[in-house]
């Protein structure tokens, strides 16, 4: 997927918002979350770390058991 204009800035702001809330925000997770937000697609994952992104950053999740 091609990143949308301003992707890197939005990903950085999203990660900073999570860190300010004392939430776990790995760089790779932040980049994955932001591209899913930009393309308005659900992220299928087993990684609970993405729950924070869904609460603070409009990420839609499809949690897999």
Protein backbone atom coordinates (compact mmCIF):
# COMPACT_ATOMS: atom_id res chain seq x y z
CA UNK A 1 0.00 0.00 0.00
CA UNK A 2 1.16 3.49 -0.78
CA UNK A 3 1.16 5.79 2.25
CA UNK A 4 -1.19 8.74 1.95
CA UNK A 5 0.13 12.31 2.09
CA UNK A 6 1.11 13.17 5.67
CA UNK A 7 1.21 9.51 6.75
CA UNK A 8 4.48 9.80 8.65
CA UNK A 9 3.31 12.85 10.59
CA UNK A 10 -0.03 11.24 11.51
CA UNK A 11 1.69 8.03 12.59
CA UNK A 12 4.07 10.03 14.77
CA UNK A 13 1.23 12.01 16.35
CA UNK A 14 -0.74 8.83 16.98
CA UNK A 15 2.24 7.22 18.68
CA UNK A 16 2.93 10.36 20.72
CA UNK A 17 -0.71 10.44 21.88
CA UNK A 18 -0.45 6.85 23.11
CA UNK A 19 2.89 7.42 24.83
CA UNK A 20 1.46 10.52 26.56
CA UNK A 21 -1.30 8.26 27.93
CA UNK A 22 1.42 5.86 29.17
CA UNK A 23 0.31 3.21 26.71
CA UNK A 24 2.54 0.78 24.87
CA UNK A 25 3.19 2.14 21.38
CA UNK A 26 5.83 0.30 19.39
CA UNK A 27 6.96 2.07 16.25
CA UNK A 28 5.98 -0.76 13.90
CA UNK A 29 2.54 -1.05 15.56
CA UNK A 30 2.02 2.68 15.12
CA UNK A 31 2.85 2.50 11.42
CA UNK A 32 0.56 -0.49 10.87
CA UNK A 33 -2.29 1.16 12.78
CA UNK A 34 -1.98 4.42 10.84
CA UNK A 35 -2.04 2.77 7.42
CA UNK A 36 -5.18 0.84 8.43
CA UNK A 37 -6.78 4.07 9.66
CA UNK A 38 -5.87 5.88 6.43
CA UNK A 39 -7.31 3.11 4.24
CA UNK A 40 -10.32 2.62 6.54
CA UNK A 41 -9.76 -1.12 6.86
CA UNK A 42 -10.02 -3.42 9.86
CA UNK A 43 -6.86 -4.89 11.29
CA UNK A 44 -7.09 -8.62 11.96
CA UNK A 45 -4.77 -9.38 14.85
CA UNK A 46 -4.20 -11.41 17.98
CA UNK A 47 -2.02 -8.66 19.46
CA UNK A 48 -3.77 -6.90 22.35
CA UNK A 49 -1.41 -3.93 22.02
CA UNK A 50 -3.61 -2.65 19.18
CA UNK A 51 -6.56 -2.16 21.55
CA UNK A 52 -5.00 1.14 22.66
CA UNK A 53 -4.87 2.33 19.06
CA UNK A 54 -8.55 1.54 18.60
CA UNK A 55 -9.53 3.54 21.69
CA UNK A 56 -7.43 6.61 20.93
CA UNK A 57 -6.91 6.54 17.19
CA UNK A 58 -9.98 5.34 15.28
CA UNK A 59 -8.38 1.99 14.41
CA UNK A 60 -11.02 -0.65 13.67
CA UNK A 61 -10.08 -4.12 14.88
CA UNK A 62 -11.15 -7.64 14.09
CA UNK A 63 -9.56 -9.50 16.99
CA UNK A 64 -8.81 -13.10 16.14
CA UNK A 65 -9.03 -15.73 18.93
